[in-house]
PDB file of N, CA and C in Angstrom:
ATOM      1  N   MET A   1       0.810  -1.183   0.000  1.00  0.00           N
ATOM      2  CA  MET A   1       0.000   0.000   0.000  1.00  0.00           C
ATOM      3  C   MET A   1       0.860   1.258   0.000  1.00  0.00           C
ATOM      4  N   PHE A   2       1.903   1.276   0.829  1.00  0.00           N
ATOM      5  CA  PHE A   2       2.791   2.422   0.877  1.00  0.00           C
ATOM      6  C   PHE A   2       3.494   2.621  -0.463  1.00  0.00           C
ATOM      7  N   GLU A   3       3.922   1.514  -1.061  1.00  0.00           N
ATOM      8  CA  GLU A   3       4.600   1.603  -2.360  1.00  0.00           C
ATOM      9  C   GLU A   3       3.679   2.203  -3.417  1.00  0.00           C
ATOM     10  N   ARG A   4       2.410   1.868  -3.373  1.00  0.00           N
ATOM     11  CA  ARG A   4       1.451   2.427  -4.316  1.00  0.00           C
ATOM     12  C   ARG A   4       1.338   3.941  -4.123  1.00  0.00           C
ATOM     13  N   HIS A   5       1.292   4.343  -2.869  1.00  0.00           N
ATOM     14  CA  HIS A   5       1.230   5.773  -2.550  1.00  0.00           C
ATOM     15  C   HIS A   5       2.480   6.502  -3.081  1.00  0.00           C
ATOM     16  N   VAL A   6       3.648   5.934  -2.849  1.00  0.00           N
ATOM     17  CA  VAL A   6       4.893   6.548  -3.309  1.00  0.00           C
ATOM     18  C   VAL A   6       4.902   6.650  -4.832  1.00  0.00           C
ATOM     19  N   ARG A   7       4.485   5.614  -5.518  1.00  0.00           N
ATOM     20  CA  ARG A   7       4.426   5.662  -6.993  1.00  0.00           C
ATOM     21  C   ARG A   7       3.472   6.751  -7.467  1.00  0.00           C
ATOM     22  N   ARG A   8       2.324   6.867  -6.811  1.00  0.00           N
ATOM     23  CA  ARG A   8       1.340   7.883  -7.175  1.00  0.00           C
ATOM     24  C   ARG A   8       1.894   9.290  -6.968  1.00  0.00           C
ATOM     25  N   VAL A   9       2.531   9.529  -5.824  1.00  0.00           N
ATOM     26  CA  VAL A   9       3.100  10.849  -5.536  1.00  0.00           C
ATOM     27  C   VAL A   9       4.221  11.170  -6.519  1.00  0.00           C
ATOM     28  N   ARG A  10       5.061  10.217  -6.830  1.00  0.00           N
ATOM     29  CA  ARG A  10       6.125  10.445  -7.825  1.00  0.00           C
ATOM     30  C   ARG A  10       5.535  10.807  -9.185  1.00  0.00           C
ATOM     31  N   ARG A  11       4.498  10.088  -9.589  1.00  0.00           N
ATOM     32  CA  ARG A  11       3.860  10.374 -10.869  1.00  0.00           C
ATOM     33  C   ARG A  11       3.273  11.780 -10.876  1.00  0.00           C
ATOM     34  N   LEU A  12       2.556  12.134  -9.811  1.00  0.00           N
ATOM     35  CA  LEU A  12       1.963  13.478  -9.726  1.00  0.00           C
ATOM     36  C   LEU A  12       3.032  14.566  -9.745  1.00  0.00           C
ATOM     37  N   ASN A  13       4.109  14.362  -8.998  1.00  0.00           N
ATOM     38  CA  ASN A  13       5.173  15.375  -8.974  1.00  0.00           C
ATOM     39  C   ASN A  13       5.891  15.469 -10.312  1.00  0.00           C
ATOM     40  N   ASN A  14       6.058  14.360 -10.994  1.00  0.00           N
ATOM     41  CA  ASN A  14       6.638  14.407 -12.341  1.00  0.00           C
ATOM     42  C   ASN A  14       5.736  15.195 -13.286  1.00  0.00           C
ATOM     43  N   GLU A  15       4.424  14.979 -13.188  1.00  0.00           N
ATOM     44  CA  GLU A  15       3.477  15.721 -14.027  1.00  0.00           C
ATOM     45  C   GLU A  15       3.520  17.214 -13.699  1.00  0.00           C
ATOM     46  N   ARG A  16       3.574  17.543 -12.436  1.00  0.00           N
ATOM     47  CA  ARG A  16       3.637  18.955 -12.019  1.00  0.00           C
ATOM     48  C   ARG A  16       4.927  19.606 -12.504  1.00  0.00           C
ATOM     49  N   ARG A  17       6.042  18.903 -12.342  1.00  0.00           N
ATOM     50  CA  ARG A  17       7.327  19.432 -12.813  1.00  0.00           C
ATOM     51  C   ARG A  17       7.273  19.680 -14.313  1.00  0.00           C
ATOM     52  N   GLN A  18       6.741  18.733 -15.046  1.00  0.00           N
ATOM     53  CA  GLN A  18       6.650  18.879 -16.494  1.00  0.00           C
ATOM     54  C   GLN A  18       5.755  20.050 -16.867  1.00  0.00           C
ATOM     55  N   LYS A  19       4.649  20.233 -16.153  1.00  0.00           N
ATOM     56  CA  LYS A  19       3.731  21.349 -16.397  1.00  0.00           C
ATOM     57  C   LYS A  19       4.451  22.674 -16.152  1.00  0.00           C
ATOM     58  N   LEU A  20       5.202  22.755 -15.060  1.00  0.00           N
ATOM     59  CA  LEU A  20       5.943  23.980 -14.758  1.00  0.00           C
ATOM     60  C   LEU A  20       6.992  24.268 -15.816  1.00  0.00           C
ATOM     61  N   LEU A  21       7.762  23.273 -16.190  1.00  0.00           N
ATOM     62  CA  LEU A  21       8.801  23.475 -17.206  1.00  0.00           C
ATOM     63  C   LEU A  21       8.201  23.905 -18.537  1.00  0.00           C
ATOM     64  N   THR A  22       7.111  23.281 -18.927  1.00  0.00           N
ATOM     65  CA  THR A  22       6.443  23.634 -20.184  1.00  0.00           C
ATOM     66  C   THR A  22       5.900  25.053 -20.126  1.00  0.00           C
ATOM     67  N   ALA A  23       5.233  25.403 -19.039  1.00  0.00           N
ATOM     68  CA  ALA A  23       4.673  26.748 -18.901  1.00  0.00           C
ATOM     69  C   ALA A  23       5.773  27.805 -18.922  1.00  0.00           C
ATOM     70  N   LEU A  24       6.879  27.542 -18.239  1.00  0.00           N
ATOM     71  CA  LEU A  24       7.991  28.500 -18.242  1.00  0.00           C
ATOM     72  C   LEU A  24       8.576  28.673 -19.637  1.00  0.00           C
ATOM     73  N   ARG A  25       8.782  27.580 -20.338  1.00  0.00           N
ATOM     74  CA  ARG A  25       9.345  27.647 -21.695  1.00  0.00           C
ATOM     75  C   ARG A  25       8.409  28.383 -22.646  1.00  0.00           C
ATOM     76  N   LEU A  26       7.106  28.149 -22.530  1.00  0.00           N
ATOM     77  CA  LEU A  26       6.145  28.835 -23.395  1.00  0.00           C
ATOM     78  C   LEU A  26       6.126  30.339 -23.130  1.00  0.00           C
ATOM     79  N   LYS A  27       6.207  30.746 -21.868  1.00  0.00           N
ATOM     80  CA  LYS A  27       6.143  32.169 -21.519  1.00  0.00           C
ATOM     81  C   LYS A  27       7.461  32.894 -21.734  1.00  0.00           C
ATOM     82  N   PHE A  28       8.577  32.231 -21.423  1.00  0.00           N
ATOM     83  CA  PHE A  28       9.862  32.926 -21.395  1.00  0.00           C
ATOM     84  C   PHE A  28      10.851  32.477 -22.466  1.00  0.00           C
ATOM     85  N   ASP A  29      10.621  31.339 -23.062  1.00  0.00           N
ATOM     86  CA  ASP A  29      11.481  30.809 -24.123  1.00  0.00           C
ATOM     87  C   ASP A  29      12.943  30.831 -23.687  1.00  0.00           C
ATOM     88  N   ASP A  30      13.788  31.488 -24.459  1.00  0.00           N
ATOM     89  CA  ASP A  30      15.220  31.489 -24.162  1.00  0.00           C
ATOM     90  C   ASP A  30      15.635  32.652 -23.262  1.00  0.00           C
ATOM     91  N   ARG A  31      14.668  33.348 -22.667  1.00  0.00           N
ATOM     92  CA  ARG A  31      14.981  34.446 -21.747  1.00  0.00           C
ATOM     93  C   ARG A  31      15.231  33.943 -20.328  1.00  0.00           C
ATOM     94  N   ILE A  32      15.164  32.613 -20.158  1.00  0.00           N
ATOM     95  CA  ILE A  32      15.445  32.011 -18.855  1.00  0.00           C
ATOM     96  C   ILE A  32      16.398  30.839 -19.028  1.00  0.00           C
ATOM     97  N   ALA A  33      17.043  30.493 -17.928  1.00  0.00           N
ATOM     98  CA  ALA A  33      17.837  29.263 -17.851  1.00  0.00           C
ATOM     99  C   ALA A  33      17.317  28.503 -16.630  1.00  0.00           C
ATOM    100  N   ILE A  34      17.101  27.217 -16.795  1.00  0.00           N
ATOM    101  CA  ILE A  34      16.539  26.390 -15.731  1.00  0.00           C
ATOM    102  C   ILE A  34      17.591  25.400 -15.266  1.00  0.00           C
ATOM    103  N   GLU A  35      17.728  25.290 -13.949  1.00  0.00           N
ATOM    104  CA  GLU A  35      18.652  24.320 -13.349  1.00  0.00           C
ATOM    105  C   GLU A  35      17.894  23.435 -12.368  1.00  0.00           C
ATOM    106  N   GLY A  36      18.363  22.223 -12.202  1.00  0.00           N
ATOM    107  CA  GLY A  36      17.819  21.331 -11.193  1.00  0.00           C
ATOM    108  C   GLY A  36      16.505  20.679 -11.557  1.00  0.00           C
ATOM    109  N   ALA A  37      16.199  20.601 -12.830  1.00  0.00           N
ATOM    110  CA  ALA A  37      14.909  20.056 -13.246  1.00  0.00           C
ATOM    111  C   ALA A  37      14.880  18.529 -13.244  1.00  0.00           C
ATOM    112  N   ASP A  38      16.017  17.885 -13.012  1.00  0.00           N
ATOM    113  CA  ASP A  38      16.060  16.427 -13.091  1.00  0.00           C
ATOM    114  C   ASP A  38      15.806  15.716 -11.769  1.00  0.00           C
ATOM    115  N   ALA A  39      15.762  16.480 -10.678  1.00  0.00           N
ATOM    116  CA  ALA A  39      15.577  15.836  -9.376  1.00  0.00           C
ATOM    117  C   ALA A  39      14.977  16.818  -8.383  1.00  0.00           C
ATOM    118  N   GLY A  40      14.433  16.291  -7.326  1.00  0.00           N
ATOM    119  CA  GLY A  40      13.911  17.133  -6.259  1.00  0.00           C
ATOM    120  C   GLY A  40      12.527  17.661  -6.546  1.00  0.00           C
ATOM    121  N   LEU A  41      12.090  18.588  -5.702  1.00  0.00           N
ATOM    122  CA  LEU A  41      10.754  19.161  -5.810  1.00  0.00           C
ATOM    123  C   LEU A  41      10.806  20.661  -6.078  1.00  0.00           C
ATOM    124  N   HIS A  42      11.980  21.141  -6.461  1.00  0.00           N
ATOM    125  CA  HIS A  42      12.184  22.550  -6.780  1.00  0.00           C
ATOM    126  C   HIS A  42      13.061  22.666  -8.018  1.00  0.00           C
ATOM    127  N   ILE A  43      12.951  23.792  -8.687  1.00  0.00           N
ATOM    128  CA  ILE A  43      13.878  24.130  -9.759  1.00  0.00           C
ATOM    129  C   ILE A  43      14.379  25.543  -9.487  1.00  0.00           C
ATOM    130  N   VAL A  44      15.471  25.897 -10.130  1.00  0.00           N
ATOM    131  CA  VAL A  44      15.981  27.264 -10.084  1.00  0.00           C
ATOM    132  C   VAL A  44      15.825  27.836 -11.483  1.00  0.00           C
ATOM    133  N   VAL A  45      15.236  29.030 -11.544  1.00  0.00           N
ATOM    134  CA  VAL A  45      15.040  29.709 -12.817  1.00  0.00           C
ATOM    135  C   VAL A  45      15.834  31.008 -12.791  1.00  0.00           C
ATOM    136  N   TRP A  46      16.736  31.156 -13.749  1.00  0.00           N
ATOM    137  CA  TRP A  46      17.528  32.371 -13.905  1.00  0.00           C
ATOM    138  C   TRP A  46      16.898  33.212 -15.010  1.00  0.00           C
ATOM    139  N   PHE A  47      16.667  34.478 -14.738  1.00  0.00           N
ATOM    140  CA  PHE A  47      16.077  35.401 -15.709  1.00  0.00           C
ATOM    141  C   PHE A  47      17.207  36.162 -16.389  1.00  0.00           C
ATOM    142  N   CYS A  48      17.532  35.744 -17.587  1.00  0.00           N
ATOM    143  CA  CYS A  48      18.701  36.241 -18.313  1.00  0.00           C
ATOM    144  C   CYS A  48      18.668  37.748 -18.544  1.00  0.00           C
ATOM    145  N   GLU A  49      17.500  38.318 -18.665  1.00  0.00           N
ATOM    146  CA  GLU A  49      17.379  39.742 -18.974  1.00  0.00           C
ATOM    147  C   GLU A  49      17.229  40.629 -17.736  1.00  0.00           C
ATOM    148  N   LEU A  50      17.213  40.041 -16.561  1.00  0.00           N
ATOM    149  CA  LEU A  50      17.059  40.822 -15.339  1.00  0.00           C
ATOM    150  C   LEU A  50      18.328  40.724 -14.501  1.00  0.00           C
ATOM    151  N   SER A  51      19.028  41.828 -14.372  1.00  0.00           N
ATOM    152  CA  SER A  51      20.226  41.815 -13.541  1.00  0.00           C
ATOM    153  C   SER A  51      19.824  41.667 -12.078  1.00  0.00           C
ATOM    154  N   ARG A  52      20.759  41.203 -11.299  1.00  0.00           N
ATOM    155  CA  ARG A  52      20.522  40.965  -9.881  1.00  0.00           C
ATOM    156  C   ARG A  52      20.023  42.220  -9.173  1.00  0.00           C
ATOM    157  N   SER A  53      20.381  43.382  -9.670  1.00  0.00           N
ATOM    158  CA  SER A  53      19.935  44.634  -9.048  1.00  0.00           C
ATOM    159  C   SER A  53      18.421  44.820  -9.164  1.00  0.00           C
ATOM    160  N   ARG A  54      17.758  44.052 -10.009  1.00  0.00           N
ATOM    161  CA  ARG A  54      16.305  44.146 -10.203  1.00  0.00           C
ATOM    162  C   ARG A  54      15.533  43.137  -9.354  1.00  0.00           C
ATOM    163  N   GLU A  55      16.250  42.384  -8.532  1.00  0.00           N
ATOM    164  CA  GLU A  55      15.626  41.330  -7.731  1.00  0.00           C
ATOM    165  C   GLU A  55      14.503  41.851  -6.831  1.00  0.00           C
ATOM    166  N   ALA A  56      14.766  42.891  -6.068  1.00  0.00           N
ATOM    167  CA  ALA A  56      13.755  43.427  -5.149  1.00  0.00           C
ATOM    168  C   ALA A  56      12.533  43.921  -5.913  1.00  0.00           C
ATOM    169  N   ALA A  57      12.766  44.530  -7.066  1.00  0.00           N
ATOM    170  CA  ALA A  57      11.648  45.017  -7.879  1.00  0.00           C
ATOM    171  C   ALA A  57      10.800  43.855  -8.380  1.00  0.00           C
ATOM    172  N   LEU A  58      11.431  42.749  -8.766  1.00  0.00           N
ATOM    173  CA  LEU A  58      10.673  41.589  -9.227  1.00  0.00           C
ATOM    174  C   LEU A  58       9.871  40.974  -8.083  1.00  0.00           C
ATOM    175  N   VAL A  59      10.470  40.850  -6.922  1.00  0.00           N
ATOM    176  CA  VAL A  59       9.757  40.303  -5.764  1.00  0.00           C
ATOM    177  C   VAL A  59       8.538  41.168  -5.455  1.00  0.00           C
ATOM    178  N   GLU A  60       8.727  42.471  -5.446  1.00  0.00           N
ATOM    179  CA  GLU A  60       7.616  43.390  -5.156  1.00  0.00           C
ATOM    180  C   GLU A  60       6.523  43.293  -6.215  1.00  0.00           C
ATOM    181  N   ALA A  61       6.908  43.281  -7.488  1.00  0.00           N
ATOM    182  CA  ALA A  61       5.917  43.187  -8.567  1.00  0.00           C
ATOM    183  C   ALA A  61       5.155  41.868  -8.499  1.00  0.00           C
ATOM    184  N   ALA A  62       5.865  40.774  -8.250  1.00  0.00           N
ATOM    185  CA  ALA A  62       5.213  39.460  -8.156  1.00  0.00           C
ATOM    186  C   ALA A  62       4.236  39.438  -6.985  1.00  0.00           C
ATOM    187  N   HIS A  63       4.669  39.933  -5.846  1.00  0.00           N
ATOM    188  CA  HIS A  63       3.787  39.940  -4.673  1.00  0.00           C
ATOM    189  C   HIS A  63       2.558  40.807  -4.911  1.00  0.00           C
ATOM    190  N   SER A  64       2.733  41.922  -5.614  1.00  0.00           N
ATOM    191  CA  SER A  64       1.583  42.796  -5.888  1.00  0.00           C
ATOM    192  C   SER A  64       0.555  42.103  -6.777  1.00  0.00           C
ATOM    193  N   LEU A  65       0.994  41.113  -7.550  1.00  0.00           N
ATOM    194  CA  LEU A  65       0.089  40.346  -8.413  1.00  0.00           C
ATOM    195  C   LEU A  65      -0.401  39.062  -7.747  1.00  0.00           C
ATOM    196  N   GLY A  66       0.032  38.835  -6.516  1.00  0.00           N
ATOM    197  CA  GLY A  66      -0.421  37.659  -5.783  1.00  0.00           C
ATOM    198  C   GLY A  66       0.440  36.427  -5.941  1.00  0.00           C
ATOM    199  N   VAL A  67       1.669  36.601  -6.408  1.00  0.00           N
ATOM    200  CA  VAL A  67       2.563  35.464  -6.599  1.00  0.00           C
ATOM    201  C   VAL A  67       3.688  35.542  -5.573  1.00  0.00           C
ATOM    202  N   GLY A  68       3.803  34.514  -4.765  1.00  0.00           N
ATOM    203  CA  GLY A  68       4.909  34.444  -3.822  1.00  0.00           C
ATOM    204  C   GLY A  68       6.130  33.880  -4.520  1.00  0.00           C
ATOM    205  N   VAL A  69       7.238  34.576  -4.430  1.00  0.00           N
ATOM    206  CA  VAL A  69       8.474  34.100  -5.052  1.00  0.00           C
ATOM    207  C   VAL A  69       9.576  34.037  -4.005  1.00  0.00           C
ATOM    208  N   HIS A  70      10.518  33.164  -4.243  1.00  0.00           N
ATOM    209  CA  HIS A  70      11.655  32.981  -3.350  1.00  0.00           C
ATOM    210  C   HIS A  70      12.928  33.133  -4.167  1.00  0.00           C
ATOM    211  N   THR A  71      13.728  34.122  -3.816  1.00  0.00           N
ATOM    212  CA  THR A  71      14.954  34.366  -4.572  1.00  0.00           C
ATOM    213  C   THR A  71      16.054  33.412  -4.141  1.00  0.00           C
ATOM    214  N   ILE A  72      16.972  33.189  -5.047  1.00  0.00           N
ATOM    215  CA  ILE A  72      18.101  32.310  -4.766  1.00  0.00           C
ATOM    216  C   ILE A  72      19.161  33.031  -3.932  1.00  0.00           C
ATOM    217  N   SER A  73      19.096  34.360  -3.908  1.00  0.00           N
ATOM    218  CA  SER A  73      20.144  35.130  -3.233  1.00  0.00           C
ATOM    219  C   SER A  73      20.291  34.756  -1.761  1.00  0.00           C
ATOM    220  N   ALA A  74      19.199  34.369  -1.122  1.00  0.00           N
ATOM    221  CA  ALA A  74      19.276  33.982   0.292  1.00  0.00           C
ATOM    222  C   ALA A  74      20.119  32.728   0.495  1.00  0.00           C
ATOM    223  N   LEU A  75      20.338  31.969  -0.553  1.00  0.00           N
ATOM    224  CA  LEU A  75      21.109  30.734  -0.449  1.00  0.00           C
ATOM    225  C   LEU A  75      22.590  30.928  -0.734  1.00  0.00           C
ATOM    226  N   TYR A  76      22.976  32.138  -1.113  1.00  0.00           N
ATOM    227  CA  TYR A  76      24.370  32.444  -1.402  1.00  0.00           C
ATOM    228  C   TYR A  76      25.044  33.084  -0.202  1.00  0.00           C
ATOM    229  N   ASP A  77      26.306  32.803  -0.044  1.00  0.00           N
ATOM    230  CA  ASP A  77      27.123  33.454   0.974  1.00  0.00           C
ATOM    231  C   ASP A  77      27.317  34.910   0.549  1.00  0.00           C
ATOM    232  N   PRO A  78      26.867  35.860   1.364  1.00  0.00           N
ATOM    233  CA  PRO A  78      26.972  37.267   0.972  1.00  0.00           C
ATOM    234  C   PRO A  78      28.411  37.745   0.809  1.00  0.00           C
ATOM    235  N   THR A  79      29.383  37.029   1.397  1.00  0.00           N
ATOM    236  CA  THR A  79      30.784  37.430   1.247  1.00  0.00           C
ATOM    237  C   THR A  79      31.414  36.848  -0.012  1.00  0.00           C
ATOM    238  N   ALA A  80      30.707  35.960  -0.698  1.00  0.00           N
ATOM    239  CA  ALA A  80      31.229  35.321  -1.916  1.00  0.00           C
ATOM    240  C   ALA A  80      30.505  35.850  -3.141  1.00  0.00           C
ATOM    241  N   ASP A  81      30.385  37.144  -3.231  1.00  0.00           N
ATOM    242  CA  ASP A  81      29.630  37.784  -4.302  1.00  0.00           C
ATOM    243  C   ASP A  81      30.151  37.443  -5.695  1.00  0.00           C
ATOM    244  N   ALA A  82      31.433  37.215  -5.818  1.00  0.00           N
ATOM    245  CA  ALA A  82      32.025  36.947  -7.126  1.00  0.00           C
ATOM    246  C   ALA A  82      31.552  35.621  -7.720  1.00  0.00           C
ATOM    247  N   ASP A  83      31.124  34.700  -6.878  1.00  0.00           N
ATOM    248  CA  ASP A  83      30.697  33.381  -7.355  1.00  0.00           C
ATOM    249  C   ASP A  83      29.253  33.354  -7.844  1.00  0.00           C
ATOM    250  N   ARG A  84      28.558  34.439  -7.660  1.00  0.00           N
ATOM    251  CA  ARG A  84      27.126  34.486  -7.939  1.00  0.00           C
ATOM    252  C   ARG A  84      26.837  35.088  -9.301  1.00  0.00           C
ATOM    253  N   PRO A  85      25.918  34.499 -10.053  1.00  0.00           N
ATOM    254  CA  PRO A  85      25.531  35.095 -11.343  1.00  0.00           C
ATOM    255  C   PRO A  85      24.906  36.472 -11.151  1.00  0.00           C
ATOM    256  N   ASP A  86      25.054  37.321 -12.144  1.00  0.00           N
ATOM    257  CA  ASP A  86      24.471  38.667 -12.074  1.00  0.00           C
ATOM    258  C   ASP A  86      23.092  38.678 -12.723  1.00  0.00           C
ATOM    259  N   GLN A  87      22.278  37.726 -12.349  1.00  0.00           N
ATOM    260  CA  GLN A  87      20.904  37.643 -12.849  1.00  0.00           C
ATOM    261  C   GLN A  87      19.989  37.322 -11.679  1.00  0.00           C
ATOM    262  N   VAL A  88      18.730  37.688 -11.825  1.00  0.00           N
ATOM    263  CA  VAL A  88      17.742  37.299 -10.820  1.00  0.00           C
ATOM    264  C   VAL A  88      17.531  35.792 -10.948  1.00  0.00           C
ATOM    265  N   GLY A  89      17.571  35.115  -9.822  1.00  0.00           N
ATOM    266  CA  GLY A  89      17.292  33.685  -9.778  1.00  0.00           C
ATOM    267  C   GLY A  89      16.187  33.409  -8.781  1.00  0.00           C
ATOM    268  N   LEU A  90      15.235  32.586  -9.165  1.00  0.00           N
ATOM    269  CA  LEU A  90      14.141  32.205  -8.277  1.00  0.00           C
ATOM    270  C   LEU A  90      14.151  30.705  -8.051  1.00  0.00           C
ATOM    271  N   VAL A  91      13.859  30.310  -6.827  1.00  0.00           N
ATOM    272  CA  VAL A  91      13.668  28.902  -6.486  1.00  0.00           C
ATOM    273  C   VAL A  91      12.168  28.655  -6.568  1.00  0.00           C
ATOM    274  N   MET A  92      11.776  27.687  -7.376  1.00  0.00           N
ATOM    275  CA  MET A  92      10.353  27.413  -7.578  1.00  0.00           C
ATOM    276  C   MET A  92      10.019  25.981  -7.188  1.00  0.00           C
ATOM    277  N   GLY A  93       9.099  25.864  -6.256  1.00  0.00           N
ATOM    278  CA  GLY A  93       8.573  24.565  -5.874  1.00  0.00           C
ATOM    279  C   GLY A  93       7.263  24.323  -6.598  1.00  0.00           C
ATOM    280  N   TYR A  94       6.929  23.071  -6.787  1.00  0.00           N
ATOM    281  CA  TYR A  94       5.722  22.735  -7.541  1.00  0.00           C
ATOM    282  C   TYR A  94       4.895  21.623  -6.917  1.00  0.00           C
ATOM    283  N   SER A  95       5.381  20.980  -5.886  1.00  0.00           N
ATOM    284  CA  SER A  95       4.705  19.784  -5.379  1.00  0.00           C
ATOM    285  C   SER A  95       3.362  20.072  -4.707  1.00  0.00           C
ATOM    286  N   ALA A  96       3.137  21.297  -4.253  1.00  0.00           N
ATOM    287  CA  ALA A  96       1.878  21.624  -3.574  1.00  0.00           C
ATOM    288  C   ALA A  96       0.875  22.301  -4.502  1.00  0.00           C
ATOM    289  N   LEU A  97       1.192  22.378  -5.792  1.00  0.00           N
ATOM    290  CA  LEU A  97       0.350  23.099  -6.747  1.00  0.00           C
ATOM    291  C   LEU A  97      -0.282  22.145  -7.746  1.00  0.00           C
ATOM    292  N   ASP A  98      -1.471  22.511  -8.219  1.00  0.00           N
ATOM    293  CA  ASP A  98      -2.061  21.731  -9.309  1.00  0.00           C
ATOM    294  C   ASP A  98      -1.746  22.439 -10.633  1.00  0.00           C
ATOM    295  N   ALA A  99      -2.110  21.805 -11.726  1.00  0.00           N
ATOM    296  CA  ALA A  99      -1.768  22.323 -13.057  1.00  0.00           C
ATOM    297  C   ALA A  99      -2.301  23.730 -13.275  1.00  0.00           C
ATOM    298  N   ARG A 100      -3.514  23.991 -12.843  1.00  0.00           N
ATOM    299  CA  ARG A 100      -4.107  25.320 -13.036  1.00  0.00           C
ATOM    300  C   ARG A 100      -3.332  26.381 -12.258  1.00  0.00           C
ATOM    301  N   GLN A 101      -2.956  26.072 -11.027  1.00  0.00           N
ATOM    302  CA  GLN A 101      -2.188  27.007 -10.215  1.00  0.00           C
ATOM    303  C   GLN A 101      -0.814  27.276 -10.826  1.00  0.00           C
ATOM    304  N   ILE A 102      -0.201  26.253 -11.359  1.00  0.00           N
ATOM    305  CA  ILE A 102       1.111  26.417 -11.998  1.00  0.00           C
ATOM    306  C   ILE A 102       0.995  27.336 -13.204  1.00  0.00           C
ATOM    307  N   GLU A 103       0.029  27.081 -14.071  1.00  0.00           N
ATOM    308  CA  GLU A 103      -0.143  27.921 -15.263  1.00  0.00           C
ATOM    309  C   GLU A 103      -0.446  29.365 -14.883  1.00  0.00           C
ATOM    310  N   ARG A 104      -1.331  29.559 -13.930  1.00  0.00           N
ATOM    311  CA  ARG A 104      -1.684  30.916 -13.492  1.00  0.00           C
ATOM    312  C   ARG A 104      -0.481  31.615 -12.868  1.00  0.00           C
ATOM    313  N   GLY A 105       0.257  30.908 -12.043  1.00  0.00           N
ATOM    314  CA  GLY A 105       1.437  31.490 -11.410  1.00  0.00           C
ATOM    315  C   GLY A 105       2.487  31.915 -12.418  1.00  0.00           C
ATOM    316  N   VAL A 106       2.733  31.094 -13.423  1.00  0.00           N
ATOM    317  CA  VAL A 106       3.713  31.444 -14.454  1.00  0.00           C
ATOM    318  C   VAL A 106       3.217  32.634 -15.264  1.00  0.00           C
ATOM    319  N   HIS A 107       1.933  32.667 -15.574  1.00  0.00           N
ATOM    320  CA  HIS A 107       1.353  33.798 -16.302  1.00  0.00           C
ATOM    321  C   HIS A 107       1.545  35.091 -15.511  1.00  0.00           C
ATOM    322  N   LEU A 108       1.231  35.065 -14.222  1.00  0.00           N
ATOM    323  CA  LEU A 108       1.379  36.255 -13.389  1.00  0.00           C
ATOM    324  C   LEU A 108       2.850  36.627 -13.200  1.00  0.00           C
ATOM    325  N   LEU A 109       3.710  35.631 -13.103  1.00  0.00           N
ATOM    326  CA  LEU A 109       5.140  35.911 -13.002  1.00  0.00           C
ATOM    327  C   LEU A 109       5.638  36.608 -14.263  1.00  0.00           C
ATOM    328  N   ALA A 110       5.150  36.190 -15.412  1.00  0.00           N
ATOM    329  CA  ALA A 110       5.527  36.846 -16.667  1.00  0.00           C
ATOM    330  C   ALA A 110       5.082  38.310 -16.660  1.00  0.00           C
ATOM    331  N   GLU A 111       3.893  38.578 -16.122  1.00  0.00           N
ATOM    332  CA  GLU A 111       3.434  39.955 -15.999  1.00  0.00           C
ATOM    333  C   GLU A 111       4.368  40.747 -15.094  1.00  0.00           C
ATOM    334  N   ALA A 112       4.785  40.159 -13.990  1.00  0.00           N
ATOM    335  CA  ALA A 112       5.685  40.838 -13.077  1.00  0.00           C
ATOM    336  C   ALA A 112       7.034  41.126 -13.737  1.00  0.00           C
ATOM    337  N   VAL A 113       7.545  40.162 -14.487  1.00  0.00           N
ATOM    338  CA  VAL A 113       8.810  40.374 -15.200  1.00  0.00           C
ATOM    339  C   VAL A 113       8.661  41.509 -16.208  1.00  0.00           C
ATOM    340  N   ASP A 114       7.553  41.532 -16.929  1.00  0.00           N
ATOM    341  CA  ASP A 114       7.304  42.613 -17.892  1.00  0.00           C
ATOM    342  C   ASP A 114       7.248  43.960 -17.206  1.00  0.00           C
ATOM    343  N   LEU A 115       6.609  44.021 -16.041  1.00  0.00           N
ATOM    344  CA  LEU A 115       6.539  45.266 -15.278  1.00  0.00           C
ATOM    345  C   LEU A 115       7.946  45.748 -14.905  1.00  0.00           C
ATOM    346  N   VAL A 116       8.767  44.844 -14.428  1.00  0.00           N
ATOM    347  CA  VAL A 116      10.119  45.204 -14.005  1.00  0.00           C
ATOM    348  C   VAL A 116      10.964  45.628 -15.209  1.00  0.00           C
ATOM    349  N   ARG A 117      10.838  44.924 -16.308  1.00  0.00           N
ATOM    350  CA  ARG A 117      11.621  45.258 -17.506  1.00  0.00           C
ATOM    351  C   ARG A 117      11.235  46.608 -18.084  1.00  0.00           C
ATOM    352  N   SER A 118       9.978  47.012 -17.908  1.00  0.00           N
ATOM    353  CA  SER A 118       9.512  48.256 -18.510  1.00  0.00           C
ATOM    354  C   SER A 118       9.880  49.481 -17.656  1.00  0.00           C
ATOM    355  N   HIS A 119      10.383  49.266 -16.460  1.00  0.00           N
ATOM    356  CA  HIS A 119      10.752  50.406 -15.592  1.00  0.00           C
ATOM    357  C   HIS A 119      12.236  50.532 -15.438  1.00  0.00           C
TER     358      HIS A 119
END
């Protein structure tokens, strides 16, 4: 019984991950780079056109649209600035979301990115 549950959860999370990756690629195409898509319950998305200095603006714009985002900057050692990419990076989880929530979240995130790019 437990094995059946584990197989079901793995299948659902694989479907959610695939939905997120597809939605991101459709909205952002080559304007993003994705890391960590082969394992775990999170991915990292780098926004190639947004310098790290725009991170706070993106977080604010996303939150104003109802999208909670988590930046990768909190995971970096602040004294090792040279090792960090000069792009906004977001950590995105998908295991607690359904397909509709994922699509809506990516759509709203794209709006937030557009807002930040236009200012």
